[in-house]
Each structure stands twice: as structure tokens, then as C-alpha cells.
Amino acid sequence: MCLVLDVMHIFRTLVLDSSKWILSLVSSRKATLAKYYSGKTVLITGASSGLGKEFALQLMRLSVSESTTSPINIILSARSQQSLDQVARACRELSSASKVVVIPL
């Protein structure tokens, strides 16, 4: 029993330490990405679902971060008008200062 607790303690320590390192790496990378995309307009194809949708939402989260000097604008494109409208609504809720344009193709 004591051995299991020691192994669990070591495992927890390793996981927590590595997760702190990963979070610090991600947060510094996030600031770099926010500065890069700040004030730019990004065209996202396939934005109605999957990776395109997630990329749009992540850009809107970056747009409201403290590292962004001006909003990130996005153009969402996909075949499904209804799905694009839902993604656009979610993007506008995340960042009201950003322009979100929907182009169904």
C-alpha cells in the first residue's frame, strides 16, 4: 500500500510539473500568436464544423486576449449556411469587436 502511494505521489508530481511547464509554453505561444494575428483578416474554409470551426473560435478567443492590440477579423466559408451562421454567432459572442463575415460556397 505504501509503495502504491509513493508511486502515485511521484506520478502526480510528474504530471503536475509537466502540466505547469506545458501551460507556460502554451501561454507564451498564445501571446506570440495573438500579436501575429492582431489586426489581420483570416479566411477560414470549412468553418462550419471540425477544425475550421475550432480555429475560428480559437482566433476569437485570441482576439480578446491582452496581447492583441486590435481585433482579429474572420471570413467564414463552407457549404452549410445554417452551420456557418451558428459558428458566426458563437464567434461574435466571444469577440464583439471583431468583424465576422459569412460566405457560403
C-alpha atoms as a PDB file:
ATOM      1  CA  MET A   1       0.000   0.000   0.000  1.00  0.00           C
ATOM      2  CA  CYS A   2       2.771   2.410   0.887  1.00  0.00           C
ATOM      3  CA  LEU A   3       4.562   1.636  -2.370  1.00  0.00           C
ATOM      4  CA  VAL A   4       1.429   2.403  -4.360  1.00  0.00           C
ATOM      5  CA  LEU A   5       1.037   5.739  -2.592  1.00  0.00           C
ATOM      6  CA  ASP A   6       4.678   6.607  -3.293  1.00  0.00           C
ATOM      7  CA  VAL A   7       4.284   5.718  -6.971  1.00  0.00           C
ATOM      8  CA  MET A   8       1.064   7.732  -7.130  1.00  0.00           C
ATOM      9  CA  HIS A   9       2.786  10.677  -5.447  1.00  0.00           C
ATOM     10  CA  ILE A  10       5.663  10.552  -7.934  1.00  0.00           C
ATOM     11  CA  PHE A  11       3.261  10.214 -10.845  1.00  0.00           C
ATOM     12  CA  ARG A  12       1.132  13.126  -9.623  1.00  0.00           C
ATOM     13  CA  THR A  13       4.214  15.289  -9.122  1.00  0.00           C
ATOM     14  CA  LEU A  14       5.486  14.488 -12.613  1.00  0.00           C
ATOM     15  CA  VAL A  15       2.114  15.197 -14.192  1.00  0.00           C
ATOM     16  CA  LEU A  16       1.612  18.443 -12.303  1.00  0.00           C
ATOM     17  CA  ASP A  17       5.136  19.675 -13.002  1.00  0.00           C
ATOM     18  CA  SER A  18       4.912  18.818 -16.693  1.00  0.00           C
ATOM     19  CA  SER A  19       1.449  20.351 -16.971  1.00  0.00           C
ATOM     20  CA  LYS A  20       2.742  23.611 -15.458  1.00  0.00           C
ATOM     21  CA  TRP A  21       5.573  23.596 -17.994  1.00  0.00           C
ATOM     22  CA  ILE A  22       3.159  22.887 -20.846  1.00  0.00           C
ATOM     23  CA  LEU A  23       0.805  25.651 -19.679  1.00  0.00           C
ATOM     24  CA  SER A  24       3.656  28.168 -19.520  1.00  0.00           C
ATOM     25  CA  LEU A  25       4.759  27.124 -23.012  1.00  0.00           C
ATOM     26  CA  VAL A  26       1.204  27.410 -24.346  1.00  0.00           C
ATOM     27  CA  SER A  27       0.624  30.809 -22.742  1.00  0.00           C
ATOM     28  CA  SER A  28       3.843  32.239 -24.220  1.00  0.00           C
ATOM     29  CA  ARG A  29       2.913  30.755 -27.604  1.00  0.00           C
ATOM     30  CA  LYS A  30      -0.578  32.214 -27.237  1.00  0.00           C
ATOM     31  CA  ALA A  31       0.851  35.716 -26.767  1.00  0.00           C
ATOM     32  CA  THR A  32       3.012  35.287 -29.870  1.00  0.00           C
ATOM     33  CA  LEU A  33       0.020  34.103 -31.926  1.00  0.00           C
ATOM     34  CA  ALA A  34      -2.150  36.945 -30.637  1.00  0.00           C
ATOM     35  CA  LYS A  35       0.438  39.514 -31.726  1.00  0.00           C
ATOM     36  CA  TYR A  36       0.814  37.856 -35.132  1.00  0.00           C
ATOM     37  CA  TYR A  37      -2.925  37.755 -35.929  1.00  0.00           C
ATOM     38  CA  SER A  38      -3.722  41.131 -34.324  1.00  0.00           C
ATOM     39  CA  GLY A  39      -5.439  43.436 -36.819  1.00  0.00           C
ATOM     40  CA  LYS A  40      -5.481  40.839 -39.598  1.00  0.00           C
ATOM     41  CA  THR A  41      -8.357  39.272 -41.504  1.00  0.00           C
ATOM     42  CA  VAL A  42      -8.298  35.472 -41.756  1.00  0.00           C
ATOM     43  CA  LEU A  43     -10.244  33.425 -44.312  1.00  0.00           C
ATOM     44  CA  ILE A  44     -11.264  30.057 -42.890  1.00  0.00           C
ATOM     45  CA  THR A  45     -12.618  27.430 -45.275  1.00  0.00           C
ATOM     46  CA  GLY A  46     -14.588  24.516 -43.869  1.00  0.00           C
ATOM     47  CA  ALA A  47     -15.589  26.705 -40.933  1.00  0.00           C
ATOM     48  CA  SER A  48     -18.983  25.098 -40.333  1.00  0.00           C
ATOM     49  CA  SER A  49     -17.562  22.183 -38.307  1.00  0.00           C
ATOM     50  CA  GLY A  50     -14.466  20.361 -37.168  1.00  0.00           C
ATOM     51  CA  LEU A  51     -11.062  22.012 -37.332  1.00  0.00           C
ATOM     52  CA  GLY A  52     -12.303  25.042 -39.261  1.00  0.00           C
ATOM     53  CA  LYS A  53     -14.915  25.803 -36.615  1.00  0.00           C
ATOM     54  CA  GLU A  54     -12.443  25.298 -33.774  1.00  0.00           C
ATOM     55  CA  PHE A  55      -9.849  27.501 -35.483  1.00  0.00           C
ATOM     56  CA  ALA A  56     -12.428  30.291 -35.825  1.00  0.00           C
ATOM     57  CA  LEU A  57     -13.394  30.045 -32.164  1.00  0.00           C
ATOM     58  CA  GLN A  58      -9.761  29.981 -31.029  1.00  0.00           C
ATOM     59  CA  LEU A  59      -8.993  33.068 -33.121  1.00  0.00           C
ATOM     60  CA  MET A  60     -11.868  34.890 -31.450  1.00  0.00           C
ATOM     61  CA  ARG A  61     -10.513  33.900 -28.044  1.00  0.00           C
ATOM     62  CA  LEU A  62      -7.115  35.249 -29.103  1.00  0.00           C
ATOM     63  CA  SER A  63      -8.786  38.443 -30.304  1.00  0.00           C
ATOM     64  CA  VAL A  64      -9.895  39.321 -26.789  1.00  0.00           C
ATOM     65  CA  SER A  65      -6.579  38.444 -25.110  1.00  0.00           C
ATOM     66  CA  GLU A  66      -4.431  41.147 -23.572  1.00  0.00           C
ATOM     67  CA  SER A  67      -1.683  40.544 -26.171  1.00  0.00           C
ATOM     68  CA  THR A  68      -3.898  41.629 -29.076  1.00  0.00           C
ATOM     69  CA  THR A  69      -3.666  45.321 -29.941  1.00  0.00           C
ATOM     70  CA  SER A  70      -6.529  45.314 -32.463  1.00  0.00           C
ATOM     71  CA  PRO A  71      -9.274  42.775 -33.168  1.00  0.00           C
ATOM     72  CA  ILE A  72      -8.833  39.771 -35.427  1.00  0.00           C
ATOM     73  CA  ASN A  73     -11.404  39.688 -38.238  1.00  0.00           C
ATOM     74  CA  ILE A  74     -12.522  36.454 -39.857  1.00  0.00           C
ATOM     75  CA  ILE A  75     -14.278  35.339 -43.019  1.00  0.00           C
ATOM     76  CA  LEU A  76     -16.066  32.028 -42.543  1.00  0.00           C
ATOM     77  CA  SER A  77     -16.677  29.849 -45.576  1.00  0.00           C
ATOM     78  CA  ALA A  78     -18.337  26.450 -46.017  1.00  0.00           C
ATOM     79  CA  ARG A  79     -21.276  24.851 -47.810  1.00  0.00           C
ATOM     80  CA  SER A  80     -23.811  24.898 -44.978  1.00  0.00           C
ATOM     81  CA  GLN A  81     -25.305  28.365 -44.435  1.00  0.00           C
ATOM     82  CA  GLN A  82     -27.098  27.303 -41.251  1.00  0.00           C
ATOM     83  CA  SER A  83     -23.952  25.846 -39.645  1.00  0.00           C
ATOM     84  CA  LEU A  84     -21.918  28.899 -40.664  1.00  0.00           C
ATOM     85  CA  ASP A  85     -24.480  31.196 -39.057  1.00  0.00           C
ATOM     86  CA  GLN A  86     -24.203  29.240 -35.792  1.00  0.00           C
ATOM     87  CA  VAL A  87     -20.404  29.462 -35.820  1.00  0.00           C
ATOM     88  CA  ALA A  88     -20.563  33.180 -36.687  1.00  0.00           C
ATOM     89  CA  ARG A  89     -22.937  33.795 -33.769  1.00  0.00           C
ATOM     90  CA  ALA A  90     -20.576  31.973 -31.390  1.00  0.00           C
ATOM     91  CA  CYS A  91     -17.618  33.988 -32.732  1.00  0.00           C
ATOM     92  CA  ARG A  92     -19.462  37.284 -32.280  1.00  0.00           C
ATOM     93  CA  GLU A  93     -20.304  36.334 -28.691  1.00  0.00           C
ATOM     94  CA  LEU A  94     -16.625  35.695 -27.974  1.00  0.00           C
ATOM     95  CA  SER A  95     -15.366  38.919 -29.546  1.00  0.00           C
ATOM     96  CA  SER A  96     -17.827  41.709 -30.235  1.00  0.00           C
ATOM     97  CA  ALA A  97     -15.072  43.986 -31.611  1.00  0.00           C
ATOM     98  CA  SER A  98     -14.134  41.555 -34.388  1.00  0.00           C
ATOM     99  CA  LYS A  99     -15.819  41.538 -37.785  1.00  0.00           C
ATOM    100  CA  VAL A 100     -17.240  38.157 -38.777  1.00  0.00           C
ATOM    101  CA  VAL A 101     -18.285  37.677 -42.401  1.00  0.00           C
ATOM    102  CA  VAL A 102     -20.067  34.555 -43.646  1.00  0.00           C
ATOM    103  CA  ILE A 103     -19.661  33.410 -47.261  1.00  0.00           C
ATOM    104  CA  PRO A 104     -21.427  30.122 -48.121  1.00  0.00           C
ATOM    105  CA  LEU A 105     -19.718  28.376 -51.052  1.00  0.00           C
END
